[in-house]
Amino acid sequence: MKYLKTFEYLKLYESFIQLLKEGVEGKTFILLSGPSASGKTYLSKQKGIVHWYENTKADKVLIGTDNFGGDEKIFEIFRKLLSDNGFFQLSKFKKDFTWLIETDYKKYFDEWKESASEDEKQKYAELKSKVPYSVEKTTNNATGYQDGRVCGMAWAAYLLKSKTIVFDDVKSTIKKYFPGLTEILIYTPLDHYFKNIDSRVNSENKAEHIDVNDKDSAIYQYCRWFQATDKPDLDNKMYTAENVERMLIDAKHKNPREILDLLGVKGELENGFYLTTKPGINPKKVINSRDTSTGRAKDASELVF
């Protein structure tokens, strides 16, 4: 009987290893990168991509870092995803989206080890080897805690049966888990971007609010991706330091000069500049999310999943 049980565990484990392989093989992975409020989610919905938590069986899904925060409804859907993949006990003992389960929730982790089958423990070890938390060693400036949301995105990508996985993130860290993915940078012209920010600042939905003076907020993210240049590149829209400063004041930014400096708007560029990507940022494709492009950033109609 003991031999039979061991044999059953082995077969189940082999099945799970095959599922992990299928978690990558035969799937298309796409990263929509760029600053928040640039229209990544909007474009995805326009193309028929649904949030993974809206339909875990959908053929094409969107997975964003914002999905792995404090939303209990989404967490419950993730727990069911764990259970559906054979993590029956882990789905009960995992209390939230924290990924350092072994240390942050040692009591629950020890209880899980006592109650979980050998098959489930082996599955957990294998998944952790494929999706280790240590791949991402970033610290959230606002909380001071390590930010493991990208690890959560990778777990979901492995466990979902969807054939097309579209990641939505303001960074490119997910490429460390899926180095072969296709990255598409979503570019929004600066004037449209300020309109997006304005709608977020004044939104009735508190979850959409943006603090424009927060160093991790949208406009600061924008400056990490894009910079001023003296000739048309991403599009042919020209700005001046004066009109950008006015847009920043209208957005209630306390130090417009800081943002202009971050964009590299100095000297002759103050009289007129265009936008280009920062050095080292070279995605395979750049999509203009808001208007027809006449530059390197292609029109959103060309975005195909």
C-alpha atoms as a PDB file:
ATOM      1  CA  MET A   1       0.000   0.000   0.000  1.00  0.00           C
ATOM      2  CA  LYS A   2       2.864   2.394   0.906  1.00  0.00           C
ATOM      3  CA  TYR A   3       4.568   1.598  -2.420  1.00  0.00           C
ATOM      4  CA  LEU A   4       1.304   2.257  -4.260  1.00  0.00           C
ATOM      5  CA  LYS A   5       0.904   5.644  -2.552  1.00  0.00           C
ATOM      6  CA  THR A   6       4.473   6.606  -3.427  1.00  0.00           C
ATOM      7  CA  PHE A   7       3.832   5.567  -7.024  1.00  0.00           C
ATOM      8  CA  GLU A   8       0.661   7.706  -7.119  1.00  0.00           C
ATOM      9  CA  TYR A   9       2.568  10.721  -5.740  1.00  0.00           C
ATOM     10  CA  LEU A  10       5.254  10.202  -8.362  1.00  0.00           C
ATOM     11  CA  LYS A  11       2.728  10.098 -11.195  1.00  0.00           C
ATOM     12  CA  LEU A  12       0.980  13.206  -9.886  1.00  0.00           C
ATOM     13  CA  TYR A  13       4.316  14.986  -9.563  1.00  0.00           C
ATOM     14  CA  GLU A  14       5.297  14.030 -13.118  1.00  0.00           C
ATOM     15  CA  SER A  15       1.945  15.390 -14.315  1.00  0.00           C
ATOM     16  CA  PHE A  16       2.613  18.663 -12.544  1.00  0.00           C
ATOM     17  CA  ILE A  17       6.102  18.942 -14.073  1.00  0.00           C
ATOM     18  CA  GLN A  18       4.440  18.570 -17.457  1.00  0.00           C
ATOM     19  CA  LEU A  19       1.965  21.306 -16.503  1.00  0.00           C
ATOM     20  CA  LEU A  20       4.854  23.590 -15.538  1.00  0.00           C
ATOM     21  CA  LYS A  21       6.431  23.013 -18.933  1.00  0.00           C
ATOM     22  CA  GLU A  22       3.110  23.811 -20.539  1.00  0.00           C
ATOM     23  CA  GLY A  23       3.040  26.920 -18.337  1.00  0.00           C
ATOM     24  CA  VAL A  24       5.671  28.317 -20.714  1.00  0.00           C
ATOM     25  CA  GLU A  25       5.688  26.158 -23.827  1.00  0.00           C
ATOM     26  CA  GLY A  26       2.971  26.951 -26.317  1.00  0.00           C
ATOM     27  CA  LYS A  27       2.162  30.256 -24.650  1.00  0.00           C
ATOM     28  CA  THR A  28       2.732  33.760 -25.918  1.00  0.00           C
ATOM     29  CA  PHE A  29       4.071  36.242 -23.359  1.00  0.00           C
ATOM     30  CA  ILE A  30       3.795  39.968 -24.010  1.00  0.00           C
ATOM     31  CA  LEU A  31       4.813  42.825 -21.730  1.00  0.00           C
ATOM     32  CA  LEU A  32       3.106  46.181 -22.060  1.00  0.00           C
ATOM     33  CA  SER A  33       5.584  48.444 -20.305  1.00  0.00           C
ATOM     34  CA  GLY A  34       5.657  52.157 -19.629  1.00  0.00           C
ATOM     35  CA  PRO A  35       4.467  54.542 -16.911  1.00  0.00           C
ATOM     36  CA  SER A  36       1.139  54.161 -15.162  1.00  0.00           C
ATOM     37  CA  ALA A  37      -1.766  56.146 -16.625  1.00  0.00           C
ATOM     38  CA  SER A  38      -0.419  55.613 -20.146  1.00  0.00           C
ATOM     39  CA  GLY A  39      -3.368  53.505 -21.299  1.00  0.00           C
ATOM     40  CA  LYS A  40      -2.008  49.930 -21.084  1.00  0.00           C
ATOM     41  CA  THR A  41      -5.176  48.489 -19.540  1.00  0.00           C
ATOM     42  CA  TYR A  42      -7.410  50.586 -21.796  1.00  0.00           C
ATOM     43  CA  LEU A  43      -5.666  49.324 -24.942  1.00  0.00           C
ATOM     44  CA  SER A  44      -5.808  45.712 -23.746  1.00  0.00           C
ATOM     45  CA  LYS A  45      -9.543  45.887 -23.187  1.00  0.00           C
ATOM     46  CA  GLN A  46      -9.981  47.465 -26.616  1.00  0.00           C
ATOM     47  CA  LYS A  47      -8.251  44.401 -28.058  1.00  0.00           C
ATOM     48  CA  GLY A  48     -10.487  41.942 -26.199  1.00  0.00           C
ATOM     49  CA  ILE A  49      -8.018  40.997 -23.455  1.00  0.00           C
ATOM     50  CA  VAL A  50      -9.687  40.367 -20.078  1.00  0.00           C
ATOM     51  CA  HIS A  51      -8.224  40.604 -16.577  1.00  0.00           C
ATOM     52  CA  TRP A  52      -7.152  37.122 -15.456  1.00  0.00           C
ATOM     53  CA  TYR A  53      -9.296  37.382 -12.316  1.00  0.00           C
ATOM     54  CA  GLU A  54     -12.407  38.130 -14.396  1.00  0.00           C
ATOM     55  CA  ASN A  55     -12.082  34.851 -16.265  1.00  0.00           C
ATOM     56  CA  THR A  56      -9.296  32.417 -15.302  1.00  0.00           C
ATOM     57  CA  LYS A  57     -10.242  30.206 -18.254  1.00  0.00           C
ATOM     58  CA  ALA A  58     -10.015  32.925 -20.915  1.00  0.00           C
ATOM     59  CA  ASP A  59      -7.683  32.284 -23.841  1.00  0.00           C
ATOM     60  CA  LYS A  60      -6.086  35.759 -23.580  1.00  0.00           C
ATOM     61  CA  VAL A  61      -5.611  37.465 -20.224  1.00  0.00           C
ATOM     62  CA  LEU A  62      -4.057  40.577 -18.744  1.00  0.00           C
ATOM     63  CA  ILE A  63      -1.924  40.278 -15.594  1.00  0.00           C
ATOM     64  CA  GLY A  64      -0.906  43.514 -13.879  1.00  0.00           C
ATOM     65  CA  THR A  65       1.115  44.320 -10.772  1.00  0.00           C
ATOM     66  CA  ASP A  66      -1.905  46.201  -9.400  1.00  0.00           C
ATOM     67  CA  ASN A  67      -3.761  42.858  -9.207  1.00  0.00           C
ATOM     68  CA  PHE A  68      -1.450  41.578  -6.476  1.00  0.00           C
ATOM     69  CA  GLY A  69      -2.015  44.147  -3.746  1.00  0.00           C
ATOM     70  CA  GLY A  70      -4.698  44.223  -1.077  1.00  0.00           C
ATOM     71  CA  ASP A  71      -7.845  43.317  -3.027  1.00  0.00           C
ATOM     72  CA  GLU A  72      -9.379  40.408  -1.101  1.00  0.00           C
ATOM     73  CA  LYS A  73     -11.768  39.461  -3.912  1.00  0.00           C
ATOM     74  CA  ILE A  74      -8.879  39.010  -6.333  1.00  0.00           C
ATOM     75  CA  PHE A  75      -6.924  37.107  -3.687  1.00  0.00           C
ATOM     76  CA  GLU A  76      -9.790  34.646  -3.258  1.00  0.00           C
ATOM     77  CA  ILE A  77      -9.728  33.992  -7.005  1.00  0.00           C
ATOM     78  CA  PHE A  78      -5.978  33.394  -6.781  1.00  0.00           C
ATOM     79  CA  ARG A  79      -6.518  30.939  -3.935  1.00  0.00           C
ATOM     80  CA  LYS A  80      -8.955  29.015  -6.125  1.00  0.00           C
ATOM     81  CA  LEU A  81      -6.349  29.026  -8.900  1.00  0.00           C
ATOM     82  CA  LEU A  82      -3.901  27.429  -6.450  1.00  0.00           C
ATOM     83  CA  SER A  83      -6.475  24.808  -5.460  1.00  0.00           C
ATOM     84  CA  ASP A  84      -7.322  24.045  -9.099  1.00  0.00           C
ATOM     85  CA  ASN A  85      -3.626  23.311  -9.670  1.00  0.00           C
ATOM     86  CA  GLY A  86      -3.357  20.865  -6.787  1.00  0.00           C
ATOM     87  CA  PHE A  87      -2.239  23.236  -4.003  1.00  0.00           C
ATOM     88  CA  PHE A  88      -5.183  22.246  -1.849  1.00  0.00           C
ATOM     89  CA  GLN A  89      -3.673  22.992   1.558  1.00  0.00           C
ATOM     90  CA  LEU A  90      -1.609  25.979   0.450  1.00  0.00           C
ATOM     91  CA  SER A  91      -4.789  27.631  -0.819  1.00  0.00           C
ATOM     92  CA  LYS A  92      -6.137  27.378   2.740  1.00  0.00           C
ATOM     93  CA  PHE A  93      -3.032  28.521   4.619  1.00  0.00           C
ATOM     94  CA  LYS A  94      -1.879  31.333   2.338  1.00  0.00           C
ATOM     95  CA  LYS A  95      -3.380  34.439   3.949  1.00  0.00           C
ATOM     96  CA  ASP A  96      -2.594  37.193   1.445  1.00  0.00           C
ATOM     97  CA  PHE A  97      -0.392  38.122  -1.516  1.00  0.00           C
ATOM     98  CA  THR A  98       2.842  38.079   0.518  1.00  0.00           C
ATOM     99  CA  TRP A  99       5.386  35.905  -1.308  1.00  0.00           C
ATOM    100  CA  LEU A 100       7.909  35.335   1.492  1.00  0.00           C
ATOM    101  CA  ILE A 101       5.541  32.772   2.965  1.00  0.00           C
ATOM    102  CA  GLU A 102       8.258  30.687   4.620  1.00  0.00           C
ATOM    103  CA  THR A 103       9.430  33.598   6.789  1.00  0.00           C
ATOM    104  CA  ASP A 104       6.643  36.186   6.928  1.00  0.00           C
ATOM    105  CA  TYR A 105       4.019  33.597   7.835  1.00  0.00           C
ATOM    106  CA  LYS A 106       6.183  30.884   9.368  1.00  0.00           C
ATOM    107  CA  LYS A 107       3.432  29.632  11.654  1.00  0.00           C
ATOM    108  CA  TYR A 108       1.015  29.045   8.778  1.00  0.00           C
ATOM    109  CA  PHE A 109       3.801  27.674   6.587  1.00  0.00           C
ATOM    110  CA  ASP A 110       4.751  25.115   9.240  1.00  0.00           C
ATOM    111  CA  GLU A 111       1.091  24.134   9.599  1.00  0.00           C
ATOM    112  CA  TRP A 112       0.850  23.757   5.837  1.00  0.00           C
ATOM    113  CA  LYS A 113       3.906  21.469   5.763  1.00  0.00           C
ATOM    114  CA  GLU A 114       2.317  19.243   8.402  1.00  0.00           C
ATOM    115  CA  SER A 115      -0.985  18.939   6.552  1.00  0.00           C
ATOM    116  CA  ALA A 116       0.079  18.981   2.893  1.00  0.00           C
ATOM    117  CA  SER A 117       0.612  15.774   0.944  1.00  0.00           C
ATOM    118  CA  GLU A 118       4.049  14.868  -0.371  1.00  0.00           C
ATOM    119  CA  ASP A 119       2.728  15.560  -3.845  1.00  0.00           C
ATOM    120  CA  GLU A 120       1.735  19.116  -2.911  1.00  0.00           C
ATOM    121  CA  LYS A 121       5.075  19.779  -1.205  1.00  0.00           C
ATOM    122  CA  GLN A 122       6.934  18.622  -4.302  1.00  0.00           C
ATOM    123  CA  LYS A 123       4.748  20.798  -6.489  1.00  0.00           C
ATOM    124  CA  TYR A 124       5.472  23.784  -4.259  1.00  0.00           C
ATOM    125  CA  ALA A 125       9.232  23.158  -4.369  1.00  0.00           C
ATOM    126  CA  GLU A 126       9.175  22.836  -8.151  1.00  0.00           C
ATOM    127  CA  LEU A 127       7.105  25.976  -8.676  1.00  0.00           C
ATOM    128  CA  LYS A 128       9.356  27.939  -6.315  1.00  0.00           C
ATOM    129  CA  SER A 129      12.390  26.766  -8.288  1.00  0.00           C
ATOM    130  CA  LYS A 130      10.789  28.068 -11.490  1.00  0.00           C
ATOM    131  CA  VAL A 131       9.442  31.258  -9.916  1.00  0.00           C
ATOM    132  CA  PRO A 132      11.782  32.212  -7.054  1.00  0.00           C
ATOM    133  CA  TYR A 133      10.976  35.340  -5.118  1.00  0.00           C
ATOM    134  CA  SER A 134      14.686  36.237  -5.114  1.00  0.00           C
ATOM    135  CA  VAL A 135      14.583  37.126  -8.816  1.00  0.00           C
ATOM    136  CA  GLU A 136      13.098  40.475  -7.869  1.00  0.00           C
ATOM    137  CA  LYS A 137      15.006  42.375  -5.215  1.00  0.00           C
ATOM    138  CA  THR A 138      13.292  45.730  -5.384  1.00  0.00           C
ATOM    139  CA  THR A 139      12.055  47.702  -2.408  1.00  0.00           C
ATOM    140  CA  ASN A 140       8.847  49.706  -2.445  1.00  0.00           C
ATOM    141  CA  ASN A 141       9.864  53.274  -1.629  1.00  0.00           C
ATOM    142  CA  ALA A 142       6.493  54.044  -0.048  1.00  0.00           C
ATOM    143  CA  THR A 143       6.369  51.105   2.385  1.00  0.00           C
ATOM    144  CA  GLY A 144      10.006  50.102   2.733  1.00  0.00           C
ATOM    145  CA  TYR A 145       9.026  46.465   2.164  1.00  0.00           C
ATOM    146  CA  GLN A 146      10.228  44.265  -0.663  1.00  0.00           C
ATOM    147  CA  ASP A 147       7.783  44.350  -3.538  1.00  0.00           C
ATOM    148  CA  GLY A 148       6.913  40.802  -4.590  1.00  0.00           C
ATOM    149  CA  ARG A 149       4.054  41.574  -6.952  1.00  0.00           C
ATOM    150  CA  VAL A 150       6.045  40.590 -10.033  1.00  0.00           C
ATOM    151  CA  CYS A 151       6.603  37.183  -8.455  1.00  0.00           C
ATOM    152  CA  GLY A 152       2.820  36.921  -8.103  1.00  0.00           C
ATOM    153  CA  MET A 153       2.404  37.784 -11.781  1.00  0.00           C
ATOM    154  CA  ALA A 154       4.793  34.978 -12.695  1.00  0.00           C
ATOM    155  CA  TRP A 155       2.975  32.439 -10.479  1.00  0.00           C
ATOM    156  CA  ALA A 156      -0.315  33.329 -12.155  1.00  0.00           C
ATOM    157  CA  ALA A 157       1.262  33.067 -15.624  1.00  0.00           C
ATOM    158  CA  TYR A 158       2.445  29.532 -14.860  1.00  0.00           C
ATOM    159  CA  LEU A 159      -0.810  28.378 -13.282  1.00  0.00           C
ATOM    160  CA  LEU A 160      -3.280  29.846 -15.764  1.00  0.00           C
ATOM    161  CA  LYS A 161      -4.153  27.759 -18.818  1.00  0.00           C
ATOM    162  CA  SER A 162      -4.455  30.876 -21.024  1.00  0.00           C
ATOM    163  CA  LYS A 163      -2.497  30.754 -24.280  1.00  0.00           C
ATOM    164  CA  THR A 164      -1.717  34.485 -24.432  1.00  0.00           C
ATOM    165  CA  ILE A 165      -0.475  36.239 -21.300  1.00  0.00           C
ATOM    166  CA  VAL A 166      -0.226  40.026 -21.451  1.00  0.00           C
ATOM    167  CA  PHE A 167       1.684  41.598 -18.563  1.00  0.00           C
ATOM    168  CA  ASP A 168       1.030  45.190 -17.528  1.00  0.00           C
ATOM    169  CA  ASP A 169       3.822  46.810 -15.528  1.00  0.00           C
ATOM    170  CA  VAL A 170       5.682  50.085 -15.123  1.00  0.00           C
ATOM    171  CA  LYS A 171       8.964  48.139 -15.021  1.00  0.00           C
ATOM    172  CA  SER A 172      10.451  45.281 -17.036  1.00  0.00           C
ATOM    173  CA  THR A 173      11.271  42.939 -14.128  1.00  0.00           C
ATOM    174  CA  ILE A 174       8.954  40.188 -15.399  1.00  0.00           C
ATOM    175  CA  LYS A 175      11.491  39.599 -18.205  1.00  0.00           C
ATOM    176  CA  LYS A 176      13.723  37.950 -15.592  1.00  0.00           C
ATOM    177  CA  TYR A 177      11.104  35.196 -15.309  1.00  0.00           C
ATOM    178  CA  PHE A 178      10.208  35.042 -19.008  1.00  0.00           C
ATOM    179  CA  PRO A 179      13.273  36.321 -20.907  1.00  0.00           C
ATOM    180  CA  GLY A 180      11.804  35.418 -24.284  1.00  0.00           C
ATOM    181  CA  LEU A 181       8.728  37.620 -23.996  1.00  0.00           C
ATOM    182  CA  THR A 182       7.928  40.417 -26.422  1.00  0.00           C
ATOM    183  CA  GLU A 183       8.062  43.875 -24.864  1.00  0.00           C
ATOM    184  CA  ILE A 184       5.875  46.649 -26.243  1.00  0.00           C
ATOM    185  CA  LEU A 185       6.354  50.117 -24.799  1.00  0.00           C
ATOM    186  CA  ILE A 186       3.139  52.124 -24.527  1.00  0.00           C
ATOM    187  CA  TYR A 187       3.867  55.771 -25.230  1.00  0.00           C
ATOM    188  CA  THR A 188       1.416  58.574 -24.522  1.00  0.00           C
ATOM    189  CA  PRO A 189       2.080  62.108 -25.839  1.00  0.00           C
ATOM    190  CA  LEU A 190       2.783  64.433 -22.931  1.00  0.00           C
ATOM    191  CA  ASP A 191      -0.321  66.602 -23.389  1.00  0.00           C
ATOM    192  CA  HIS A 192      -2.571  63.526 -23.451  1.00  0.00           C
ATOM    193  CA  TYR A 193      -0.679  62.113 -20.483  1.00  0.00           C
ATOM    194  CA  PHE A 194      -1.555  65.142 -18.376  1.00  0.00           C
ATOM    195  CA  LYS A 195      -5.199  64.680 -19.349  1.00  0.00           C
ATOM    196  CA  ASN A 196      -4.982  61.086 -18.084  1.00  0.00           C
ATOM    197  CA  ILE A 197      -3.436  62.286 -14.835  1.00  0.00           C
ATOM    198  CA  ASP A 198      -6.125  64.930 -14.427  1.00  0.00           C
ATOM    199  CA  SER A 199      -8.860  62.312 -14.832  1.00  0.00           C
ATOM    200  CA  ARG A 200      -7.137  60.098 -12.231  1.00  0.00           C
ATOM    201  CA  VAL A 201      -6.640  62.971  -9.771  1.00  0.00           C
ATOM    202  CA  ASN A 202     -10.315  63.921  -9.993  1.00  0.00           C
ATOM    203  CA  SER A 203     -11.758  60.413 -10.308  1.00  0.00           C
ATOM    204  CA  GLU A 204     -14.591  59.392  -7.981  1.00  0.00           C
ATOM    205  CA  ASN A 205     -12.861  56.016  -7.719  1.00  0.00           C
ATOM    206  CA  LYS A 206     -10.276  56.471  -4.953  1.00  0.00           C
ATOM    207  CA  ALA A 207      -8.275  53.503  -6.260  1.00  0.00           C
ATOM    208  CA  GLU A 208      -7.462  55.537  -9.373  1.00  0.00           C
ATOM    209  CA  HIS A 209      -6.147  58.582  -7.513  1.00  0.00           C
ATOM    210  CA  ILE A 210      -2.590  59.764  -8.168  1.00  0.00           C
ATOM    211  CA  ASP A 211      -0.413  61.937  -5.970  1.00  0.00           C
ATOM    212  CA  VAL A 212       1.516  63.857  -8.643  1.00  0.00           C
ATOM    213  CA  ASN A 213       4.169  64.879  -6.096  1.00  0.00           C
ATOM    214  CA  ASP A 214       4.932  61.279  -5.087  1.00  0.00           C
ATOM    215  CA  LYS A 215       8.378  60.307  -6.418  1.00  0.00           C
ATOM    216  CA  ASP A 216       6.947  56.937  -7.503  1.00  0.00           C
ATOM    217  CA  SER A 217       3.914  58.491  -9.183  1.00  0.00           C
ATOM    218  CA  ALA A 218       3.039  58.570 -12.858  1.00  0.00           C
ATOM    219  CA  ILE A 219       4.849  61.731 -13.955  1.00  0.00           C
ATOM    220  CA  TYR A 220       8.098  60.591 -12.312  1.00  0.00           C
ATOM    221  CA  GLN A 221       7.688  57.198 -13.992  1.00  0.00           C
ATOM    222  CA  TYR A 222       7.217  59.026 -17.289  1.00  0.00           C
ATOM    223  CA  CYS A 223      10.590  60.735 -16.807  1.00  0.00           C
ATOM    224  CA  ARG A 224      12.255  57.325 -16.315  1.00  0.00           C
ATOM    225  CA  TRP A 225      11.085  56.159 -19.725  1.00  0.00           C
ATOM    226  CA  PHE A 226      11.239  59.318 -21.840  1.00  0.00           C
ATOM    227  CA  GLN A 227      13.387  62.414 -22.277  1.00  0.00           C
ATOM    228  CA  ALA A 228      13.558  65.602 -24.337  1.00  0.00           C
ATOM    229  CA  THR A 229      15.255  65.695 -27.727  1.00  0.00           C
ATOM    230  CA  ASP A 230      15.778  68.372 -30.352  1.00  0.00           C
ATOM    231  CA  LYS A 231      14.130  66.532 -33.247  1.00  0.00           C
ATOM    232  CA  PRO A 232      10.926  64.496 -33.795  1.00  0.00           C
ATOM    233  CA  ASP A 233      11.229  60.837 -32.813  1.00  0.00           C
ATOM    234  CA  LEU A 234       8.302  59.096 -31.091  1.00  0.00           C
ATOM    235  CA  ASP A 235       5.942  61.607 -32.711  1.00  0.00           C
ATOM    236  CA  ASN A 236       6.157  65.115 -34.139  1.00  0.00           C
ATOM    237  CA  LYS A 237       4.609  66.981 -31.182  1.00  0.00           C
ATOM    238  CA  MET A 238       6.724  69.881 -29.982  1.00  0.00           C
ATOM    239  CA  TYR A 239       6.531  71.303 -26.460  1.00  0.00           C
ATOM    240  CA  THR A 240       8.110  74.256 -24.707  1.00  0.00           C
ATOM    241  CA  ALA A 241       9.274  74.523 -21.118  1.00  0.00           C
ATOM    242  CA  GLU A 242       6.608  77.161 -20.593  1.00  0.00           C
ATOM    243  CA  ASN A 243       3.607  75.084 -21.695  1.00  0.00           C
ATOM    244  CA  VAL A 244       4.817  71.964 -19.864  1.00  0.00           C
ATOM    245  CA  GLU A 245       5.285  74.028 -16.709  1.00  0.00           C
ATOM    246  CA  ARG A 246       1.700  75.268 -17.100  1.00  0.00           C
ATOM    247  CA  MET A 247       0.434  71.680 -17.431  1.00  0.00           C
ATOM    248  CA  LEU A 248       2.336  70.698 -14.289  1.00  0.00           C
ATOM    249  CA  ILE A 249       0.926  73.644 -12.328  1.00  0.00           C
ATOM    250  CA  ASP A 250      -2.584  72.725 -13.464  1.00  0.00           C
ATOM    251  CA  ALA A 251      -1.904  69.165 -12.268  1.00  0.00           C
ATOM    252  CA  LYS A 252      -0.963  70.661  -8.871  1.00  0.00           C
ATOM    253  CA  HIS A 253       2.695  69.689  -9.030  1.00  0.00           C
ATOM    254  CA  LYS A 254       4.712  71.660  -6.469  1.00  0.00           C
ATOM    255  CA  ASN A 255       8.003  71.832  -8.378  1.00  0.00           C
ATOM    256  CA  PRO A 256       7.580  71.935 -12.190  1.00  0.00           C
ATOM    257  CA  ARG A 257      11.258  72.771 -12.681  1.00  0.00           C
ATOM    258  CA  GLU A 258      12.193  69.400 -11.147  1.00  0.00           C
ATOM    259  CA  ILE A 259      10.192  67.537 -13.809  1.00  0.00           C
ATOM    260  CA  LEU A 260      11.644  69.641 -16.610  1.00  0.00           C
ATOM    261  CA  ASP A 261      15.135  68.843 -15.321  1.00  0.00           C
ATOM    262  CA  LEU A 262      14.305  65.119 -15.193  1.00  0.00           C
ATOM    263  CA  LEU A 263      13.166  65.308 -18.818  1.00  0.00           C
ATOM    264  CA  GLY A 264      16.393  67.105 -19.705  1.00  0.00           C
ATOM    265  CA  VAL A 265      14.691  70.326 -20.803  1.00  0.00           C
ATOM    266  CA  LYS A 266      17.590  72.775 -20.618  1.00  0.00           C
ATOM    267  CA  GLY A 267      19.171  75.457 -22.779  1.00  0.00           C
ATOM    268  CA  GLU A 268      17.816  75.622 -26.321  1.00  0.00           C
ATOM    269  CA  LEU A 269      15.400  72.761 -25.585  1.00  0.00           C
ATOM    270  CA  GLU A 270      13.394  75.120 -23.374  1.00  0.00           C
ATOM    271  CA  ASN A 271      12.255  76.908 -26.542  1.00  0.00           C
ATOM    272  CA  GLY A 272      11.079  73.722 -28.178  1.00  0.00           C
ATOM    273  CA  PHE A 273      11.581  69.981 -27.693  1.00  0.00           C
ATOM    274  CA  TYR A 274      10.208  66.588 -28.696  1.00  0.00           C
ATOM    275  CA  LEU A 275      10.202  63.284 -26.831  1.00  0.00           C
ATOM    276  CA  THR A 276      12.310  60.157 -27.246  1.00  0.00           C
ATOM    277  CA  THR A 277      13.086  57.072 -25.139  1.00  0.00           C
ATOM    278  CA  LYS A 278      15.799  57.161 -22.498  1.00  0.00           C
ATOM    279  CA  PRO A 279      19.162  55.563 -23.351  1.00  0.00           C
ATOM    280  CA  GLY A 280      19.034  51.810 -22.797  1.00  0.00           C
ATOM    281  CA  ILE A 281      15.277  51.576 -23.374  1.00  0.00           C
ATOM    282  CA  ASN A 282      14.922  49.713 -26.657  1.00  0.00           C
ATOM    283  CA  PRO A 283      11.667  47.727 -26.835  1.00  0.00           C
ATOM    284  CA  LYS A 284      10.852  45.813 -30.010  1.00  0.00           C
ATOM    285  CA  LYS A 285       7.872  48.055 -30.622  1.00  0.00           C
ATOM    286  CA  VAL A 286       6.539  51.398 -29.353  1.00  0.00           C
ATOM    287  CA  ILE A 287       2.798  52.034 -29.562  1.00  0.00           C
ATOM    288  CA  ASN A 288       1.231  55.496 -29.362  1.00  0.00           C
ATOM    289  CA  SER A 289      -1.782  54.969 -27.119  1.00  0.00           C
ATOM    290  CA  ARG A 290      -3.636  58.188 -27.788  1.00  0.00           C
ATOM    291  CA  ASP A 291      -3.319  59.570 -31.319  1.00  0.00           C
ATOM    292  CA  THR A 292      -2.142  58.728 -34.822  1.00  0.00           C
ATOM    293  CA  SER A 293       1.635  58.757 -34.816  1.00  0.00           C
ATOM    294  CA  THR A 294       3.871  60.224 -37.474  1.00  0.00           C
ATOM    295  CA  GLY A 295       7.038  59.038 -35.783  1.00  0.00           C
ATOM    296  CA  ARG A 296       8.618  55.874 -34.393  1.00  0.00           C
ATOM    297  CA  ALA A 297       5.670  55.127 -32.078  1.00  0.00           C
ATOM    298  CA  LYS A 298       3.097  53.267 -34.159  1.00  0.00           C
ATOM    299  CA  ASP A 299      -0.632  53.830 -34.040  1.00  0.00           C
ATOM    300  CA  ALA A 300      -2.578  51.726 -31.525  1.00  0.00           C
ATOM    301  CA  SER A 301      -4.433  50.027 -34.393  1.00  0.00           C
ATOM    302  CA  GLU A 302      -1.197  48.144 -35.086  1.00  0.00           C
ATOM    303  CA  LEU A 303      -1.263  46.500 -31.645  1.00  0.00           C
ATOM    304  CA  VAL A 304      -2.169  42.853 -32.249  1.00  0.00           C
ATOM    305  CA  PHE A 305      -2.191  40.022 -29.712  1.00  0.00           C
END
